Amino acid sequence: QVQLAESGGGLVQAGGSLKLSCVFYGSTFSMYVMEWHRQAPGKQRELVATITSGSSTNYADSVRGRFTISRDNLGNTVYLQMNDLQPEDTAVYYCKSYHVSRYGPDYWGQGTQVTVSS
């Protein structure tokens, strides 16, 4: 059973940076696609960034150029480096994983709060 544990959220001023981490447990990390999603109050959850098993990346237009997703296959961890944070980035950030075959369920972490003050 895959489990995900996020950390690294917090309160930061506009223009600041944070780095989120998500540790993966319970299966072969390198065989999973990893994603970061976020959900702001009153809004739907949205995809922020994706990294494939081969470390190809993709970003939402709203964060491209400011956020960087990366993975450490030895440490079973995916990261989200967030720079030039803005108040509109305030949300709960969730880590998600699914097998590269698309067989089996999606797995979600519990989320970590990011708050950006103006």
N, C-alpha and C. Protein backbone atom coordinates (compact mmCIF):
# COMPACT_ATOMS: atom_id res chain seq x y z
N GLN A 1 0.85 -1.18 0.00
CA GLN A 1 0.00 0.00 0.00
C GLN A 1 0.89 1.24 0.00
N VAL A 2 0.71 2.08 -1.01
CA VAL A 2 1.50 3.31 -1.11
C VAL A 2 1.00 4.32 -0.09
N GLN A 3 1.92 4.99 0.54
CA GLN A 3 1.61 6.11 1.42
C GLN A 3 2.51 7.28 1.06
N LEU A 4 1.95 8.49 1.17
CA LEU A 4 2.67 9.70 0.85
C LEU A 4 2.63 10.65 2.04
N ALA A 5 3.75 11.29 2.32
CA ALA A 5 3.83 12.20 3.46
C ALA A 5 4.48 13.51 3.02
N GLU A 6 3.66 14.58 2.96
CA GLU A 6 4.17 15.89 2.56
C GLU A 6 4.68 16.67 3.77
N SER A 7 5.59 17.57 3.49
CA SER A 7 6.09 18.50 4.50
C SER A 7 6.65 19.72 3.80
N GLY A 8 6.91 20.77 4.59
CA GLY A 8 7.57 21.94 4.04
C GLY A 8 6.71 23.16 3.86
N GLY A 9 5.40 23.02 4.12
CA GLY A 9 4.55 24.18 3.99
C GLY A 9 4.80 25.19 5.10
N GLY A 10 4.16 26.35 4.96
CA GLY A 10 4.32 27.37 5.98
C GLY A 10 3.81 28.71 5.50
N LEU A 11 4.17 29.74 6.25
CA LEU A 11 3.78 31.12 5.96
C LEU A 11 5.00 31.86 5.41
N VAL A 12 4.82 32.54 4.29
CA VAL A 12 5.90 33.27 3.65
C VAL A 12 5.36 34.56 3.07
N GLN A 13 6.20 35.56 2.98
CA GLN A 13 5.79 36.81 2.37
C GLN A 13 5.86 36.71 0.85
N ALA A 14 5.09 37.53 0.18
CA ALA A 14 5.11 37.57 -1.28
C ALA A 14 6.53 37.81 -1.77
N GLY A 15 6.89 37.05 -2.80
CA GLY A 15 8.25 37.11 -3.33
C GLY A 15 9.20 36.10 -2.71
N GLY A 16 8.75 35.44 -1.66
CA GLY A 16 9.58 34.47 -0.97
C GLY A 16 9.54 33.09 -1.61
N SER A 17 10.22 32.16 -0.96
CA SER A 17 10.34 30.80 -1.49
C SER A 17 10.03 29.76 -0.42
N LEU A 18 9.57 28.62 -0.86
CA LEU A 18 9.40 27.44 -0.02
C LEU A 18 9.74 26.22 -0.85
N LYS A 19 10.14 25.15 -0.16
CA LYS A 19 10.39 23.88 -0.84
C LYS A 19 9.58 22.80 -0.14
N LEU A 20 8.65 22.21 -0.88
CA LEU A 20 7.84 21.12 -0.36
C LEU A 20 8.50 19.78 -0.66
N SER A 21 8.30 18.84 0.25
CA SER A 21 8.79 17.47 0.07
C SER A 21 7.64 16.50 0.22
N CYS A 22 7.74 15.40 -0.49
CA CYS A 22 6.75 14.32 -0.38
C CYS A 22 7.51 13.00 -0.40
N VAL A 23 7.47 12.30 0.73
CA VAL A 23 8.15 11.01 0.83
C VAL A 23 7.17 9.90 0.48
N PHE A 24 7.65 8.98 -0.33
CA PHE A 24 6.84 7.87 -0.88
C PHE A 24 7.22 6.59 -0.15
N TYR A 25 6.21 5.85 0.31
CA TYR A 25 6.42 4.59 1.00
C TYR A 25 5.59 3.49 0.37
N GLY A 26 6.09 2.26 0.38
CA GLY A 26 5.24 1.11 0.15
C GLY A 26 5.31 0.46 -1.21
N SER A 27 6.11 0.97 -2.13
CA SER A 27 6.24 0.34 -3.44
C SER A 27 7.51 0.86 -4.10
N THR A 28 7.66 0.56 -5.38
CA THR A 28 8.86 0.96 -6.12
C THR A 28 8.67 2.36 -6.68
N PHE A 29 9.27 3.33 -6.02
CA PHE A 29 9.06 4.73 -6.33
C PHE A 29 9.33 5.06 -7.80
N SER A 30 10.35 4.48 -8.35
CA SER A 30 10.76 4.82 -9.71
C SER A 30 9.71 4.41 -10.76
N MET A 31 8.74 3.59 -10.37
CA MET A 31 7.69 3.15 -11.28
C MET A 31 6.43 4.00 -11.19
N TYR A 32 6.51 5.09 -10.47
CA TYR A 32 5.33 5.94 -10.26
C TYR A 32 5.53 7.34 -10.81
N VAL A 33 4.49 7.83 -11.43
CA VAL A 33 4.41 9.24 -11.80
C VAL A 33 4.01 10.01 -10.55
N MET A 34 4.63 11.17 -10.36
CA MET A 34 4.36 11.98 -9.18
C MET A 34 3.84 13.34 -9.60
N GLU A 35 2.88 13.84 -8.84
CA GLU A 35 2.28 15.13 -9.15
C GLU A 35 2.11 15.95 -7.86
N TRP A 36 2.12 17.26 -8.04
CA TRP A 36 1.68 18.18 -7.00
C TRP A 36 0.39 18.85 -7.47
N HIS A 37 -0.58 18.87 -6.58
CA HIS A 37 -1.84 19.56 -6.80
C HIS A 37 -2.02 20.57 -5.67
N ARG A 38 -2.93 21.50 -5.87
CA ARG A 38 -3.25 22.44 -4.80
C ARG A 38 -4.74 22.77 -4.81
N GLN A 39 -5.23 23.15 -3.63
CA GLN A 39 -6.62 23.54 -3.51
C GLN A 39 -6.71 24.75 -2.61
N ALA A 40 -7.16 25.85 -3.21
CA ALA A 40 -7.37 27.09 -2.47
C ALA A 40 -8.78 27.09 -1.90
N PRO A 41 -9.03 27.87 -0.85
CA PRO A 41 -10.36 27.92 -0.26
C PRO A 41 -11.42 28.29 -1.29
N GLY A 42 -12.47 27.50 -1.36
CA GLY A 42 -13.58 27.78 -2.25
C GLY A 42 -13.32 27.45 -3.71
N LYS A 43 -12.19 26.83 -4.00
CA LYS A 43 -11.85 26.51 -5.38
C LYS A 43 -11.64 25.01 -5.54
N GLN A 44 -11.68 24.56 -6.79
CA GLN A 44 -11.41 23.16 -7.08
C GLN A 44 -9.92 22.88 -7.00
N ARG A 45 -9.61 21.63 -6.70
CA ARG A 45 -8.21 21.22 -6.69
C ARG A 45 -7.67 21.29 -8.11
N GLU A 46 -6.44 21.77 -8.25
CA GLU A 46 -5.85 21.91 -9.58
C GLU A 46 -4.45 21.29 -9.61
N LEU A 47 -4.10 20.78 -10.79
CA LEU A 47 -2.78 20.21 -11.01
C LEU A 47 -1.76 21.33 -11.15
N VAL A 48 -0.67 21.21 -10.41
CA VAL A 48 0.38 22.22 -10.44
C VAL A 48 1.57 21.76 -11.28
N ALA A 49 2.03 20.53 -11.02
CA ALA A 49 3.22 20.05 -11.71
C ALA A 49 3.24 18.53 -11.72
N THR A 50 3.86 17.98 -12.76
CA THR A 50 3.97 16.54 -12.94
C THR A 50 5.41 16.18 -13.25
N ILE A 51 5.87 15.04 -12.71
CA ILE A 51 7.17 14.50 -13.09
C ILE A 51 6.99 13.01 -13.34
N THR A 52 7.42 12.57 -14.50
CA THR A 52 7.26 11.16 -14.86
C THR A 52 8.37 10.31 -14.24
N SER A 53 8.26 9.01 -14.45
CA SER A 53 9.30 8.10 -13.95
C SER A 53 10.64 8.39 -14.60
N GLY A 54 10.62 8.94 -15.81
CA GLY A 54 11.84 9.31 -16.50
C GLY A 54 12.27 10.74 -16.27
N SER A 55 11.60 11.41 -15.33
CA SER A 55 11.90 12.78 -14.91
C SER A 55 11.55 13.85 -15.94
N SER A 56 10.66 13.55 -16.87
CA SER A 56 10.07 14.60 -17.70
C SER A 56 9.09 15.39 -16.84
N THR A 57 9.03 16.69 -17.08
CA THR A 57 8.20 17.54 -16.23
C THR A 57 7.19 18.35 -17.04
N ASN A 58 6.12 18.75 -16.35
CA ASN A 58 5.13 19.62 -16.95
C ASN A 58 4.55 20.48 -15.84
N TYR A 59 4.13 21.71 -16.20
CA TYR A 59 3.67 22.67 -15.22
C TYR A 59 2.39 23.36 -15.67
N ALA A 60 1.59 23.75 -14.70
CA ALA A 60 0.48 24.64 -14.97
C ALA A 60 1.04 25.99 -15.42
N ASP A 61 0.29 26.66 -16.29
CA ASP A 61 0.75 27.96 -16.80
C ASP A 61 0.97 28.96 -15.67
N SER A 62 0.17 28.85 -14.63
CA SER A 62 0.24 29.82 -13.54
C SER A 62 1.52 29.73 -12.72
N VAL A 63 2.24 28.60 -12.81
CA VAL A 63 3.45 28.44 -12.00
C VAL A 63 4.71 28.24 -12.83
N ARG A 64 4.54 28.07 -14.13
CA ARG A 64 5.71 27.79 -14.99
C ARG A 64 6.70 28.96 -14.87
N GLY A 65 7.96 28.60 -14.68
CA GLY A 65 9.01 29.60 -14.52
C GLY A 65 9.26 29.99 -13.08
N ARG A 66 8.34 29.65 -12.19
CA ARG A 66 8.50 29.97 -10.76
C ARG A 66 8.68 28.71 -9.92
N PHE A 67 8.01 27.63 -10.30
CA PHE A 67 8.05 26.38 -9.54
C PHE A 67 8.87 25.35 -10.30
N THR A 68 9.54 24.48 -9.56
CA THR A 68 10.31 23.39 -10.15
C THR A 68 10.01 22.10 -9.40
N ILE A 69 9.57 21.08 -10.14
CA ILE A 69 9.35 19.76 -9.56
C ILE A 69 10.57 18.90 -9.86
N SER A 70 10.97 18.09 -8.88
CA SER A 70 12.11 17.19 -9.07
C SER A 70 11.87 15.94 -8.23
N ARG A 71 12.65 14.91 -8.52
CA ARG A 71 12.51 13.67 -7.76
C ARG A 71 13.86 13.07 -7.47
N ASP A 72 13.94 12.39 -6.34
CA ASP A 72 15.13 11.67 -5.91
C ASP A 72 14.73 10.21 -5.78
N ASN A 73 15.06 9.41 -6.77
CA ASN A 73 14.62 8.02 -6.78
C ASN A 73 15.34 7.17 -5.72
N LEU A 74 16.49 7.61 -5.28
CA LEU A 74 17.17 6.88 -4.20
C LEU A 74 16.53 7.17 -2.86
N GLY A 75 16.07 8.40 -2.68
CA GLY A 75 15.46 8.79 -1.43
C GLY A 75 13.95 8.70 -1.41
N ASN A 76 13.35 8.21 -2.53
CA ASN A 76 11.90 8.04 -2.61
C ASN A 76 11.16 9.34 -2.28
N THR A 77 11.65 10.44 -2.82
CA THR A 77 11.08 11.74 -2.49
C THR A 77 10.89 12.58 -3.74
N VAL A 78 9.78 13.30 -3.77
CA VAL A 78 9.53 14.30 -4.80
C VAL A 78 9.48 15.66 -4.13
N TYR A 79 10.00 16.66 -4.83
CA TYR A 79 10.09 18.01 -4.29
C TYR A 79 9.33 19.00 -5.17
N LEU A 80 8.94 20.09 -4.56
CA LEU A 80 8.40 21.22 -5.31
C LEU A 80 9.07 22.48 -4.77
N GLN A 81 10.00 23.01 -5.55
CA GLN A 81 10.65 24.27 -5.20
C GLN A 81 9.78 25.40 -5.73
N MET A 82 9.35 26.27 -4.82
CA MET A 82 8.44 27.35 -5.19
C MET A 82 9.13 28.68 -4.93
N ASN A 83 9.35 29.43 -5.99
CA ASN A 83 10.00 30.74 -5.90
C ASN A 83 9.04 31.84 -6.29
N ASP A 84 9.35 33.06 -5.88
CA ASP A 84 8.52 34.22 -6.20
C ASP A 84 7.05 33.94 -5.88
N LEU A 85 6.80 33.44 -4.69
CA LEU A 85 5.44 33.11 -4.28
C LEU A 85 4.57 34.35 -4.20
N GLN A 86 3.32 34.18 -4.59
CA GLN A 86 2.33 35.26 -4.59
C GLN A 86 1.13 34.85 -3.75
N PRO A 87 0.35 35.83 -3.29
CA PRO A 87 -0.83 35.48 -2.47
C PRO A 87 -1.77 34.48 -3.15
N GLU A 88 -1.85 34.51 -4.45
CA GLU A 88 -2.72 33.57 -5.16
C GLU A 88 -2.19 32.14 -5.14
N ASP A 89 -0.98 31.95 -4.67
CA ASP A 89 -0.44 30.60 -4.50
C ASP A 89 -0.87 29.98 -3.18
N THR A 90 -1.54 30.75 -2.34
CA THR A 90 -2.02 30.23 -1.06
C THR A 90 -3.01 29.09 -1.29
N ALA A 91 -2.72 27.95 -0.69
CA ALA A 91 -3.53 26.76 -0.88
C ALA A 91 -2.99 25.63 -0.01
N VAL A 92 -3.76 24.57 0.06
CA VAL A 92 -3.22 23.31 0.57
C VAL A 92 -2.63 22.56 -0.61
N TYR A 93 -1.38 22.14 -0.47
CA TYR A 93 -0.67 21.45 -1.54
C TYR A 93 -0.65 19.95 -1.24
N TYR A 94 -1.04 19.17 -2.25
CA TYR A 94 -1.14 17.73 -2.11
C TYR A 94 -0.19 17.03 -3.08
N CYS A 95 0.39 15.97 -2.62
CA CYS A 95 1.20 15.09 -3.45
C CYS A 95 0.31 13.93 -3.91
N LYS A 96 0.48 13.54 -5.17
CA LYS A 96 -0.31 12.44 -5.74
C LYS A 96 0.62 11.51 -6.52
N SER A 97 0.35 10.23 -6.49
CA SER A 97 1.14 9.29 -7.29
C SER A 97 0.25 8.26 -7.95
N TYR A 98 0.71 7.76 -9.10
CA TYR A 98 0.04 6.65 -9.76
C TYR A 98 1.08 5.89 -10.56
N HIS A 99 0.80 4.58 -10.75
CA HIS A 99 1.75 3.71 -11.43
C HIS A 99 1.85 4.11 -12.91
N VAL A 100 3.02 3.95 -13.47
CA VAL A 100 3.23 4.33 -14.87
C VAL A 100 2.32 3.57 -15.83
N SER A 101 1.87 2.37 -15.44
CA SER A 101 0.97 1.59 -16.28
C SER A 101 -0.47 2.10 -16.23
N ARG A 102 -0.73 2.99 -15.30
CA ARG A 102 -2.08 3.52 -15.02
C ARG A 102 -2.98 2.43 -14.41
N TYR A 103 -2.39 1.30 -14.06
CA TYR A 103 -3.14 0.23 -13.40
C TYR A 103 -3.09 0.47 -11.91
N GLY A 104 -4.25 0.39 -11.25
CA GLY A 104 -4.30 0.59 -9.81
C GLY A 104 -4.78 1.98 -9.47
N PRO A 105 -4.90 2.25 -8.19
CA PRO A 105 -5.49 3.52 -7.75
C PRO A 105 -4.51 4.68 -7.80
N ASP A 106 -5.05 5.87 -7.66
CA ASP A 106 -4.25 7.05 -7.37
C ASP A 106 -4.07 7.13 -5.86
N TYR A 107 -2.92 7.62 -5.46
CA TYR A 107 -2.64 7.80 -4.04
C TYR A 107 -2.40 9.28 -3.75
N TRP A 108 -2.92 9.73 -2.59
CA TRP A 108 -2.81 11.13 -2.21
C TRP A 108 -2.19 11.23 -0.82
N GLY A 109 -1.42 12.30 -0.63
CA GLY A 109 -0.97 12.63 0.70
C GLY A 109 -2.03 13.43 1.45
N GLN A 110 -1.69 13.80 2.67
CA GLN A 110 -2.65 14.49 3.53
C GLN A 110 -2.67 16.00 3.28
N GLY A 111 -1.69 16.51 2.59
CA GLY A 111 -1.65 17.92 2.26
C GLY A 111 -0.79 18.73 3.22
N THR A 112 -0.27 19.84 2.72
CA THR A 112 0.50 20.76 3.54
C THR A 112 0.09 22.18 3.16
N GLN A 113 -0.14 23.01 4.16
CA GLN A 113 -0.66 24.36 3.92
C GLN A 113 0.47 25.31 3.54
N VAL A 114 0.23 26.06 2.47
CA VAL A 114 1.12 27.15 2.07
C VAL A 114 0.32 28.44 2.10
N THR A 115 0.80 29.41 2.86
CA THR A 115 0.13 30.70 2.97
C THR A 115 1.12 31.79 2.59
N VAL A 116 0.72 32.63 1.63
CA VAL A 116 1.57 33.71 1.16
C VAL A 116 0.90 35.03 1.51
N SER A 117 1.58 35.83 2.30
CA SER A 117 1.02 37.12 2.71
C SER A 117 1.51 38.22 1.77
N SER A 118 0.66 39.21 1.59
CA SER A 118 1.01 40.32 0.68
C SER A 118 1.75 41.43 1.41
